[in-house]
Amino acid sequence: MLTELLRELHRYLFAHISLEDFETWILSSLQKVLDSQDALALDLANEIDADLIEFNEGLIDQLVLRRRLEGYSRRGRTVFVQTPDASLLHSGTNSSTIAADVEA
């Protein structure tokens, strides 16, 4: 679940989806995150959700929101590389393998 969450975060940060689409995805995926019992994914989803609430209430601006999301992205210790054929290459720091996930 953490991988999915980070993938969607990167899709927003690299302007493949809008902030509205990212927020919709997060809200629609919260139950899935809870069901996964992935503590790291749950912590990240909660932090992102809290930041989105602050943004929507006007407590932070979009630049602050983006900086926070970029920080979560770096903290995820995951590398996503966009390739010309629209696939995402993903490599975790604890793995010596690279997997390709093709975007729809």
PDB file of N, CA and C in Angstrom:
ATOM      1  N   MET A   1       0.819  -1.203   0.000  1.00  0.00           N
ATOM      2  CA  MET A   1       0.000   0.000   0.000  1.00  0.00           C
ATOM      3  C   MET A   1       0.861   1.264   0.000  1.00  0.00           C
ATOM      4  N   LEU A   2       1.981   1.215   0.701  1.00  0.00           N
ATOM      5  CA  LEU A   2       2.871   2.366   0.721  1.00  0.00           C
ATOM      6  C   LEU A   2       3.354   2.703  -0.684  1.00  0.00           C
ATOM      7  N   THR A   3       3.647   1.682  -1.467  1.00  0.00           N
ATOM      8  CA  THR A   3       4.109   1.903  -2.842  1.00  0.00           C
ATOM      9  C   THR A   3       3.048   2.621  -3.660  1.00  0.00           C
ATOM     10  N   GLU A   4       1.778   2.200  -3.509  1.00  0.00           N
ATOM     11  CA  GLU A   4       0.690   2.859  -4.236  1.00  0.00           C
ATOM     12  C   GLU A   4       0.555   4.316  -3.816  1.00  0.00           C
ATOM     13  N   LEU A   5       0.639   4.551  -2.530  1.00  0.00           N
ATOM     14  CA  LEU A   5       0.518   5.904  -1.995  1.00  0.00           C
ATOM     15  C   LEU A   5       1.638   6.799  -2.531  1.00  0.00           C
ATOM     16  N   LEU A   6       2.857   6.292  -2.496  1.00  0.00           N
ATOM     17  CA  LEU A   6       3.986   7.067  -3.015  1.00  0.00           C
ATOM     18  C   LEU A   6       3.879   7.278  -4.523  1.00  0.00           C
ATOM     19  N   ARG A   7       3.387   6.279  -5.234  1.00  0.00           N
ATOM     20  CA  ARG A   7       3.227   6.424  -6.686  1.00  0.00           C
ATOM     21  C   ARG A   7       2.256   7.555  -7.002  1.00  0.00           C
ATOM     22  N   GLU A   8       1.121   7.595  -6.291  1.00  0.00           N
ATOM     23  CA  GLU A   8       0.154   8.672  -6.530  1.00  0.00           C
ATOM     24  C   GLU A   8       0.716  10.033  -6.110  1.00  0.00           C
ATOM     25  N   LEU A   9       1.450  10.054  -5.030  1.00  0.00           N
ATOM     26  CA  LEU A   9       2.102  11.294  -4.597  1.00  0.00           C
ATOM     27  C   LEU A   9       3.050  11.796  -5.680  1.00  0.00           C
ATOM     28  N   HIS A  10       3.838  10.901  -6.246  1.00  0.00           N
ATOM     29  CA  HIS A  10       4.764  11.295  -7.305  1.00  0.00           C
ATOM     30  C   HIS A  10       4.021  11.714  -8.567  1.00  0.00           C
ATOM     31  N   ARG A  11       2.913  11.071  -8.848  1.00  0.00           N
ATOM     32  CA  ARG A  11       2.130  11.484 -10.024  1.00  0.00           C
ATOM     33  C   ARG A  11       1.676  12.933  -9.864  1.00  0.00           C
ATOM     34  N   TYR A  12       1.277  13.322  -8.656  1.00  0.00           N
ATOM     35  CA  TYR A  12       0.902  14.714  -8.415  1.00  0.00           C
ATOM     36  C   TYR A  12       2.125  15.626  -8.510  1.00  0.00           C
ATOM     37  N   LEU A  13       3.196  15.250  -7.840  1.00  0.00           N
ATOM     38  CA  LEU A  13       4.380  16.114  -7.815  1.00  0.00           C
ATOM     39  C   LEU A  13       4.980  16.320  -9.200  1.00  0.00           C
ATOM     40  N   PHE A  14       4.832  15.337 -10.088  1.00  0.00           N
ATOM     41  CA  PHE A  14       5.361  15.457 -11.444  1.00  0.00           C
ATOM     42  C   PHE A  14       4.296  15.919 -12.435  1.00  0.00           C
ATOM     43  N   ALA A  15       3.185  16.451 -11.906  1.00  0.00           N
ATOM     44  CA  ALA A  15       2.110  17.076 -12.684  1.00  0.00           C
ATOM     45  C   ALA A  15       1.417  16.122 -13.660  1.00  0.00           C
ATOM     46  N   HIS A  16       1.332  14.848 -13.285  1.00  0.00           N
ATOM     47  CA  HIS A  16       0.580  13.895 -14.101  1.00  0.00           C
ATOM     48  C   HIS A  16      -0.890  13.890 -13.714  1.00  0.00           C
ATOM     49  N   ILE A  17      -1.180  14.325 -12.495  1.00  0.00           N
ATOM     50  CA  ILE A  17      -2.553  14.486 -12.031  1.00  0.00           C
ATOM     51  C   ILE A  17      -2.645  15.803 -11.278  1.00  0.00           C
ATOM     52  N   SER A  18      -3.855  16.320 -11.186  1.00  0.00           N
ATOM     53  CA  SER A  18      -4.073  17.587 -10.467  1.00  0.00           C
ATOM     54  C   SER A  18      -4.121  17.348  -8.965  1.00  0.00           C
ATOM     55  N   LEU A  19      -4.033  18.432  -8.217  1.00  0.00           N
ATOM     56  CA  LEU A  19      -4.174  18.344  -6.771  1.00  0.00           C
ATOM     57  C   LEU A  19      -5.552  17.790  -6.419  1.00  0.00           C
ATOM     58  N   GLU A  20      -6.567  18.217  -7.136  1.00  0.00           N
ATOM     59  CA  GLU A  20      -7.926  17.721  -6.896  1.00  0.00           C
ATOM     60  C   GLU A  20      -8.002  16.205  -7.115  1.00  0.00           C
ATOM     61  N   ASP A  21      -7.378  15.719  -8.182  1.00  0.00           N
ATOM     62  CA  ASP A  21      -7.375  14.277  -8.447  1.00  0.00           C
ATOM     63  C   ASP A  21      -6.597  13.521  -7.372  1.00  0.00           C
ATOM     64  N   PHE A  22      -5.483  14.089  -6.929  1.00  0.00           N
ATOM     65  CA  PHE A  22      -4.695  13.458  -5.869  1.00  0.00           C
ATOM     66  C   PHE A  22      -5.505  13.388  -4.580  1.00  0.00           C
ATOM     67  N   GLU A  23      -6.167  14.480  -4.246  1.00  0.00           N
ATOM     68  CA  GLU A  23      -6.978  14.516  -3.027  1.00  0.00           C
ATOM     69  C   GLU A  23      -8.120  13.496  -3.113  1.00  0.00           C
ATOM     70  N   THR A  24      -8.756  13.404  -4.258  1.00  0.00           N
ATOM     71  CA  THR A  24      -9.824  12.423  -4.457  1.00  0.00           C
ATOM     72  C   THR A  24      -9.296  11.011  -4.279  1.00  0.00           C
ATOM     73  N   TRP A  25      -8.114  10.749  -4.839  1.00  0.00           N
ATOM     74  CA  TRP A  25      -7.523   9.412  -4.707  1.00  0.00           C
ATOM     75  C   TRP A  25      -7.225   9.099  -3.244  1.00  0.00           C
ATOM     76  N   ILE A  26      -6.640  10.067  -2.529  1.00  0.00           N
ATOM     77  CA  ILE A  26      -6.313   9.856  -1.113  1.00  0.00           C
ATOM     78  C   ILE A  26      -7.587   9.535  -0.323  1.00  0.00           C
ATOM     79  N   LEU A  27      -8.604  10.349  -0.497  1.00  0.00           N
ATOM     80  CA  LEU A  27      -9.844  10.157   0.264  1.00  0.00           C
ATOM     81  C   LEU A  27     -10.507   8.824  -0.066  1.00  0.00           C
ATOM     82  N   SER A  28     -10.468   8.443  -1.320  1.00  0.00           N
ATOM     83  CA  SER A  28     -11.101   7.180  -1.702  1.00  0.00           C
ATOM     84  C   SER A  28     -10.270   5.966  -1.306  1.00  0.00           C
ATOM     85  N   SER A  29      -9.009   6.174  -0.953  1.00  0.00           N
ATOM     86  CA  SER A  29      -8.116   5.065  -0.616  1.00  0.00           C
ATOM     87  C   SER A  29      -7.871   4.910   0.881  1.00  0.00           C
ATOM     88  N   LEU A  30      -8.398   5.793   1.698  1.00  0.00           N
ATOM     89  CA  LEU A  30      -8.128   5.731   3.140  1.00  0.00           C
ATOM     90  C   LEU A  30      -8.558   4.402   3.761  1.00  0.00           C
ATOM     91  N   GLN A  31      -9.717   3.887   3.365  1.00  0.00           N
ATOM     92  CA  GLN A  31     -10.165   2.609   3.927  1.00  0.00           C
ATOM     93  C   GLN A  31      -9.233   1.473   3.495  1.00  0.00           C
ATOM     94  N   LYS A  32      -8.781   1.528   2.266  1.00  0.00           N
ATOM     95  CA  LYS A  32      -7.843   0.518   1.767  1.00  0.00           C
ATOM     96  C   LYS A  32      -6.531   0.561   2.553  1.00  0.00           C
ATOM     97  N   VAL A  33      -6.085   1.763   2.879  1.00  0.00           N
ATOM     98  CA  VAL A  33      -4.866   1.909   3.688  1.00  0.00           C
ATOM     99  C   VAL A  33      -5.094   1.311   5.075  1.00  0.00           C
ATOM    100  N   LEU A  34      -6.229   1.621   5.675  1.00  0.00           N
ATOM    101  CA  LEU A  34      -6.558   1.059   6.991  1.00  0.00           C
ATOM    102  C   LEU A  34      -6.598  -0.469   6.948  1.00  0.00           C
ATOM    103  N   ASP A  35      -7.239  -1.000   5.931  1.00  0.00           N
ATOM    104  CA  ASP A  35      -7.372  -2.451   5.805  1.00  0.00           C
ATOM    105  C   ASP A  35      -6.034  -3.144   5.570  1.00  0.00           C
ATOM    106  N   SER A  36      -5.083  -2.424   4.968  1.00  0.00           N
ATOM    107  CA  SER A  36      -3.783  -3.027   4.653  1.00  0.00           C
ATOM    108  C   SER A  36      -2.946  -3.276   5.910  1.00  0.00           C
ATOM    109  N   GLN A  37      -3.253  -2.577   6.982  1.00  0.00           N
ATOM    110  CA  GLN A  37      -2.489  -2.653   8.231  1.00  0.00           C
ATOM    111  C   GLN A  37      -1.011  -2.334   8.016  1.00  0.00           C
ATOM    112  N   ASP A  38      -0.731  -1.523   7.013  1.00  0.00           N
ATOM    113  CA  ASP A  38       0.625  -1.059   6.720  1.00  0.00           C
ATOM    114  C   ASP A  38       0.841   0.226   7.517  1.00  0.00           C
ATOM    115  N   ALA A  39       1.591   0.119   8.617  1.00  0.00           N
ATOM    116  CA  ALA A  39       1.764   1.255   9.526  1.00  0.00           C
ATOM    117  C   ALA A  39       2.409   2.455   8.837  1.00  0.00           C
ATOM    118  N   LEU A  40       3.386   2.219   7.983  1.00  0.00           N
ATOM    119  CA  LEU A  40       4.039   3.333   7.289  1.00  0.00           C
ATOM    120  C   LEU A  40       3.073   4.031   6.337  1.00  0.00           C
ATOM    121  N   ALA A  41       2.297   3.243   5.618  1.00  0.00           N
ATOM    122  CA  ALA A  41       1.314   3.826   4.700  1.00  0.00           C
ATOM    123  C   ALA A  41       0.257   4.603   5.474  1.00  0.00           C
ATOM    124  N   LEU A  42      -0.183   4.064   6.589  1.00  0.00           N
ATOM    125  CA  LEU A  42      -1.187   4.740   7.404  1.00  0.00           C
ATOM    126  C   LEU A  42      -0.661   6.063   7.954  1.00  0.00           C
ATOM    127  N   ASP A  43       0.560   6.064   8.453  1.00  0.00           N
ATOM    128  CA  ASP A  43       1.165   7.309   8.949  1.00  0.00           C
ATOM    129  C   ASP A  43       1.260   8.351   7.842  1.00  0.00           C
ATOM    130  N   LEU A  44       1.727   7.924   6.673  1.00  0.00           N
ATOM    131  CA  LEU A  44       1.865   8.851   5.557  1.00  0.00           C
ATOM    132  C   LEU A  44       0.509   9.370   5.099  1.00  0.00           C
ATOM    133  N   ALA A  45      -0.464   8.488   4.977  1.00  0.00           N
ATOM    134  CA  ALA A  45      -1.805   8.909   4.557  1.00  0.00           C
ATOM    135  C   ALA A  45      -2.405   9.899   5.555  1.00  0.00           C
ATOM    136  N   ASN A  46      -2.213   9.658   6.837  1.00  0.00           N
ATOM    137  CA  ASN A  46      -2.723  10.577   7.858  1.00  0.00           C
ATOM    138  C   ASN A  46      -2.051  11.946   7.765  1.00  0.00           C
ATOM    139  N   GLU A  47      -0.744  11.970   7.541  1.00  0.00           N
ATOM    140  CA  GLU A  47      -0.043  13.248   7.416  1.00  0.00           C
ATOM    141  C   GLU A  47      -0.510  14.008   6.181  1.00  0.00           C
ATOM    142  N   ILE A  48      -0.643  13.302   5.065  1.00  0.00           N
ATOM    143  CA  ILE A  48      -1.104  13.944   3.833  1.00  0.00           C
ATOM    144  C   ILE A  48      -2.527  14.460   4.017  1.00  0.00           C
ATOM    145  N   ASP A  49      -3.387  13.654   4.611  1.00  0.00           N
ATOM    146  CA  ASP A  49      -4.774  14.064   4.838  1.00  0.00           C
ATOM    147  C   ASP A  49      -4.834  15.315   5.714  1.00  0.00           C
ATOM    148  N   ALA A  50      -4.035  15.347   6.761  1.00  0.00           N
ATOM    149  CA  ALA A  50      -4.009  16.528   7.644  1.00  0.00           C
ATOM    150  C   ALA A  50      -3.541  17.769   6.884  1.00  0.00           C
ATOM    151  N   ASP A  51      -2.536  17.601   6.032  1.00  0.00           N
ATOM    152  CA  ASP A  51      -2.050  18.736   5.241  1.00  0.00           C
ATOM    153  C   ASP A  51      -3.106  19.214   4.249  1.00  0.00           C
ATOM    154  N   LEU A  52      -3.818  18.278   3.633  1.00  0.00           N
ATOM    155  CA  LEU A  52      -4.881  18.666   2.700  1.00  0.00           C
ATOM    156  C   LEU A  52      -5.995  19.413   3.419  1.00  0.00           C
ATOM    157  N   ILE A  53      -6.312  19.002   4.629  1.00  0.00           N
ATOM    158  CA  ILE A  53      -7.321  19.717   5.426  1.00  0.00           C
ATOM    159  C   ILE A  53      -6.842  21.137   5.723  1.00  0.00           C
ATOM    160  N   GLU A  54      -5.586  21.278   6.146  1.00  0.00           N
ATOM    161  CA  GLU A  54      -5.041  22.610   6.418  1.00  0.00           C
ATOM    162  C   GLU A  54      -5.081  23.476   5.164  1.00  0.00           C
ATOM    163  N   PHE A  55      -4.732  22.896   4.020  1.00  0.00           N
ATOM    164  CA  PHE A  55      -4.760  23.642   2.763  1.00  0.00           C
ATOM    165  C   PHE A  55      -6.183  24.077   2.430  1.00  0.00           C
ATOM    166  N   ASN A  56      -7.129  23.157   2.514  1.00  0.00           N
ATOM    167  CA  ASN A  56      -8.521  23.468   2.160  1.00  0.00           C
ATOM    168  C   ASN A  56      -9.166  24.462   3.119  1.00  0.00           C
ATOM    169  N   GLU A  57      -8.661  24.537   4.340  1.00  0.00           N
ATOM    170  CA  GLU A  57      -9.176  25.515   5.302  1.00  0.00           C
ATOM    171  C   GLU A  57      -8.430  26.846   5.212  1.00  0.00           C
ATOM    172  N   GLY A  58      -7.475  26.940   4.305  1.00  0.00           N
ATOM    173  CA  GLY A  58      -6.740  28.183   4.114  1.00  0.00           C
ATOM    174  C   GLY A  58      -5.656  28.440   5.145  1.00  0.00           C
ATOM    175  N   LEU A  59      -5.286  27.420   5.901  1.00  0.00           N
ATOM    176  CA  LEU A  59      -4.260  27.588   6.929  1.00  0.00           C
ATOM    177  C   LEU A  59      -2.853  27.544   6.358  1.00  0.00           C
ATOM    178  N   ILE A  60      -2.697  26.875   5.210  1.00  0.00           N
ATOM    179  CA  ILE A  60      -1.418  26.868   4.492  1.00  0.00           C
ATOM    180  C   ILE A  60      -1.720  27.112   3.020  1.00  0.00           C
ATOM    181  N   ASP A  61      -0.730  27.639   2.296  1.00  0.00           N
ATOM    182  CA  ASP A  61      -0.937  27.859   0.866  1.00  0.00           C
ATOM    183  C   ASP A  61      -0.402  26.662   0.068  1.00  0.00           C
ATOM    184  N   GLN A  62      -0.587  26.701  -1.243  1.00  0.00           N
ATOM    185  CA  GLN A  62      -0.220  25.563  -2.078  1.00  0.00           C
ATOM    186  C   GLN A  62       1.294  25.321  -2.084  1.00  0.00           C
ATOM    187  N   LEU A  63       2.086  26.371  -1.961  1.00  0.00           N
ATOM    188  CA  LEU A  63       3.537  26.203  -1.922  1.00  0.00           C
ATOM    189  C   LEU A  63       3.967  25.427  -0.675  1.00  0.00           C
ATOM    190  N   VAL A  64       3.389  25.766   0.474  1.00  0.00           N
ATOM    191  CA  VAL A  64       3.700  25.047   1.717  1.00  0.00           C
ATOM    192  C   VAL A  64       3.237  23.597   1.602  1.00  0.00           C
ATOM    193  N   LEU A  65       2.039  23.391   1.070  1.00  0.00           N
ATOM    194  CA  LEU A  65       1.537  22.035   0.879  1.00  0.00           C
ATOM    195  C   LEU A  65       2.488  21.232   0.000  1.00  0.00           C
ATOM    196  N   ARG A  66       2.889  21.807  -1.104  1.00  0.00           N
ATOM    197  CA  ARG A  66       3.782  21.105  -2.036  1.00  0.00           C
ATOM    198  C   ARG A  66       5.114  20.767  -1.373  1.00  0.00           C
ATOM    199  N   ARG A  67       5.665  21.686  -0.624  1.00  0.00           N
ATOM    200  CA  ARG A  67       6.934  21.423   0.074  1.00  0.00           C
ATOM    201  C   ARG A  67       6.791  20.268   1.070  1.00  0.00           C
ATOM    202  N   ARG A  68       5.685  20.249   1.779  1.00  0.00           N
ATOM    203  CA  ARG A  68       5.454  19.143   2.712  1.00  0.00           C
ATOM    204  C   ARG A  68       5.349  17.814   1.963  1.00  0.00           C
ATOM    205  N   LEU A  69       4.595  17.817   0.864  1.00  0.00           N
ATOM    206  CA  LEU A  69       4.440  16.590   0.082  1.00  0.00           C
ATOM    207  C   LEU A  69       5.769  16.134  -0.512  1.00  0.00           C
ATOM    208  N   GLU A  70       6.574  17.086  -0.949  1.00  0.00           N
ATOM    209  CA  GLU A  70       7.909  16.734  -1.447  1.00  0.00           C
ATOM    210  C   GLU A  70       8.751  16.110  -0.342  1.00  0.00           C
ATOM    211  N   GLY A  71       8.614  16.612   0.880  1.00  0.00           N
ATOM    212  CA  GLY A  71       9.332  16.040   2.019  1.00  0.00           C
ATOM    213  C   GLY A  71       8.913  14.602   2.273  1.00  0.00           C
ATOM    214  N   TYR A  72       7.606  14.323   2.174  1.00  0.00           N
ATOM    215  CA  TYR A  72       7.131  12.950   2.354  1.00  0.00           C
ATOM    216  C   TYR A  72       7.677  12.056   1.250  1.00  0.00           C
ATOM    217  N   SER A  73       7.770  12.611   0.072  1.00  0.00           N
ATOM    218  CA  SER A  73       8.287  11.856  -1.069  1.00  0.00           C
ATOM    219  C   SER A  73       9.733  11.433  -0.823  1.00  0.00           C
ATOM    220  N   ARG A  74      10.537  12.354  -0.353  1.00  0.00           N
ATOM    221  CA  ARG A  74      11.951  12.049  -0.064  1.00  0.00           C
ATOM    222  C   ARG A  74      12.064  11.068   1.088  1.00  0.00           C
ATOM    223  N   ARG A  75      11.215  11.219   2.081  1.00  0.00           N
ATOM    224  CA  ARG A  75      11.252  10.355   3.241  1.00  0.00           C
ATOM    225  C   ARG A  75      10.883   8.919   2.882  1.00  0.00           C
ATOM    226  N   GLY A  76      10.120   8.748   1.803  1.00  0.00           N
ATOM    227  CA  GLY A  76       9.715   7.417   1.381  1.00  0.00           C
ATOM    228  C   GLY A  76      10.858   6.569   0.869  1.00  0.00           C
ATOM    229  N   ARG A  77      12.016   7.189   0.628  1.00  0.00           N
ATOM    230  CA  ARG A  77      13.203   6.471   0.155  1.00  0.00           C
ATOM    231  C   ARG A  77      12.905   5.566  -1.028  1.00  0.00           C
ATOM    232  N   THR A  78      12.079   6.074  -1.899  1.00  0.00           N
ATOM    233  CA  THR A  78      11.714   5.340  -3.098  1.00  0.00           C
ATOM    234  C   THR A  78      12.029   6.206  -4.294  1.00  0.00           C
ATOM    235  N   VAL A  79      12.543   5.601  -5.319  1.00  0.00           N
ATOM    236  CA  VAL A  79      12.893   6.332  -6.525  1.00  0.00           C
ATOM    237  C   VAL A  79      11.923   5.955  -7.631  1.00  0.00           C
ATOM    238  N   PHE A  80      11.299   6.948  -8.246  1.00  0.00           N
ATOM    239  CA  PHE A  80      10.438   6.741  -9.394  1.00  0.00           C
ATOM    240  C   PHE A  80      11.045   7.522 -10.546  1.00  0.00           C
ATOM    241  N   VAL A  81      11.239   6.859 -11.662  1.00  0.00           N
ATOM    242  CA  VAL A  81      11.804   7.511 -12.833  1.00  0.00           C
ATOM    243  C   VAL A  81      10.792   7.421 -13.963  1.00  0.00           C
ATOM    244  N   GLN A  82      10.428   8.556 -14.536  1.00  0.00           N
ATOM    245  CA  GLN A  82       9.486   8.566 -15.651  1.00  0.00           C
ATOM    246  C   GLN A  82      10.253   8.262 -16.922  1.00  0.00           C
ATOM    247  N   THR A  83       9.789   7.281 -17.672  1.00  0.00           N
ATOM    248  CA  THR A  83      10.447   6.898 -18.910  1.00  0.00           C
ATOM    249  C   THR A  83       9.646   7.405 -20.096  1.00  0.00           C
ATOM    250  N   PRO A  84      10.267   7.522 -21.276  1.00  0.00           N
ATOM    251  CA  PRO A  84       9.564   8.060 -22.446  1.00  0.00           C
ATOM    252  C   PRO A  84       8.321   7.268 -22.845  1.00  0.00           C
ATOM    253  N   ASP A  85       8.283   5.978 -22.546  1.00  0.00           N
ATOM    254  CA  ASP A  85       7.116   5.176 -22.932  1.00  0.00           C
ATOM    255  C   ASP A  85       6.019   5.197 -21.876  1.00  0.00           C
ATOM    256  N   ALA A  86       6.064   6.160 -20.951  1.00  0.00           N
ATOM    257  CA  ALA A  86       5.037   6.403 -19.924  1.00  0.00           C
ATOM    258  C   ALA A  86       4.964   5.317 -18.865  1.00  0.00           C
ATOM    259  N   SER A  87       6.034   4.565 -18.687  1.00  0.00           N
ATOM    260  CA  SER A  87       6.042   3.604 -17.588  1.00  0.00           C
ATOM    261  C   SER A  87       6.804   4.220 -16.421  1.00  0.00           C
ATOM    262  N   LEU A  88       6.558   3.700 -15.254  1.00  0.00           N
ATOM    263  CA  LEU A  88       7.269   4.155 -14.072  1.00  0.00           C
ATOM    264  C   LEU A  88       8.207   3.059 -13.627  1.00  0.00           C
ATOM    265  N   LEU A  89       9.471   3.389 -13.448  1.00  0.00           N
ATOM    266  CA  LEU A  89      10.418   2.441 -12.884  1.00  0.00           C
ATOM    267  C   LEU A  89      10.521   2.742 -11.407  1.00  0.00           C
ATOM    268  N   HIS A  90      10.463   1.729 -10.587  1.00  0.00           N
ATOM    269  CA  HIS A  90      10.430   1.900  -9.142  1.00  0.00           C
ATOM    270  C   HIS A  90      11.509   1.044  -8.513  1.00  0.00           C
ATOM    271  N   SER A  91      12.266   1.621  -7.609  1.00  0.00           N
ATOM    272  CA  SER A  91      13.271   0.860  -6.888  1.00  0.00           C
ATOM    273  C   SER A  91      13.296   1.310  -5.445  1.00  0.00           C
ATOM    274  N   GLY A  92      13.103   0.399  -4.530  1.00  0.00           N
ATOM    275  CA  GLY A  92      13.198   0.714  -3.107  1.00  0.00           C
ATOM    276  C   GLY A  92      14.643   0.628  -2.666  1.00  0.00           C
ATOM    277  N   THR A  93      15.011   1.318  -1.603  1.00  0.00           N
ATOM    278  CA  THR A  93      16.399   1.340  -1.164  1.00  0.00           C
ATOM    279  C   THR A  93      16.843   0.012  -0.577  1.00  0.00           C
ATOM    280  N   ASN A  94      15.916  -0.813  -0.120  1.00  0.00           N
ATOM    281  CA  ASN A  94      16.271  -2.095   0.472  1.00  0.00           C
ATOM    282  C   ASN A  94      16.222  -3.225  -0.537  1.00  0.00           C
ATOM    283  N   SER A  95      16.137  -2.904  -1.789  1.00  0.00           N
ATOM    284  CA  SER A  95      15.999  -3.925  -2.811  1.00  0.00           C
ATOM    285  C   SER A  95      17.009  -3.697  -3.920  1.00  0.00           C
ATOM    286  N   SER A  96      17.484  -4.768  -4.482  1.00  0.00           N
ATOM    287  CA  SER A  96      18.422  -4.645  -5.601  1.00  0.00           C
ATOM    288  C   SER A  96      17.706  -4.855  -6.921  1.00  0.00           C
ATOM    289  N   THR A  97      16.386  -4.999  -6.891  1.00  0.00           N
ATOM    290  CA  THR A  97      15.626  -5.218  -8.115  1.00  0.00           C
ATOM    291  C   THR A  97      14.887  -3.955  -8.504  1.00  0.00           C
ATOM    292  N   ILE A  98      14.557  -3.881  -9.775  1.00  0.00           N
ATOM    293  CA  ILE A  98      13.764  -2.768 -10.285  1.00  0.00           C
ATOM    294  C   ILE A  98      12.526  -3.368 -10.948  1.00  0.00           C
ATOM    295  N   ALA A  99      11.365  -2.836 -10.612  1.00  0.00           N
ATOM    296  CA  ALA A  99      10.122  -3.305 -11.202  1.00  0.00           C
ATOM    297  C   ALA A  99       9.505  -2.186 -12.012  1.00  0.00           C
ATOM    298  N   ALA A 100       8.847  -2.517 -13.089  1.00  0.00           N
ATOM    299  CA  ALA A 100       8.187  -1.520 -13.921  1.00  0.00           C
ATOM    300  C   ALA A 100       6.690  -1.639 -13.737  1.00  0.00           C
ATOM    301  N   ASP A 101       6.045  -0.521 -13.439  1.00  0.00           N
ATOM    302  CA  ASP A 101       4.591  -0.458 -13.343  1.00  0.00           C
ATOM    303  C   ASP A 101       4.127   0.483 -14.429  1.00  0.00           C
ATOM    304  N   VAL A 102       3.331   0.016 -15.355  1.00  0.00           N
ATOM    305  CA  VAL A 102       2.881   0.850 -16.462  1.00  0.00           C
ATOM    306  C   VAL A 102       1.645   1.604 -16.028  1.00  0.00           C
ATOM    307  N   GLU A 103       1.665   2.922 -16.254  1.00  0.00           N
ATOM    308  CA  GLU A 103       0.511   3.756 -15.939  1.00  0.00           C
ATOM    309  C   GLU A 103      -0.596   3.490 -16.931  1.00  0.00           C
ATOM    310  N   ALA A 104      -1.830   3.606 -16.460  1.00  0.00           N
ATOM    311  CA  ALA A 104      -2.987   3.419 -17.359  1.00  0.00           C
ATOM    312  C   ALA A 104      -3.203   4.662 -18.174  1.00  0.00           C
TER     313      ALA A 104
END
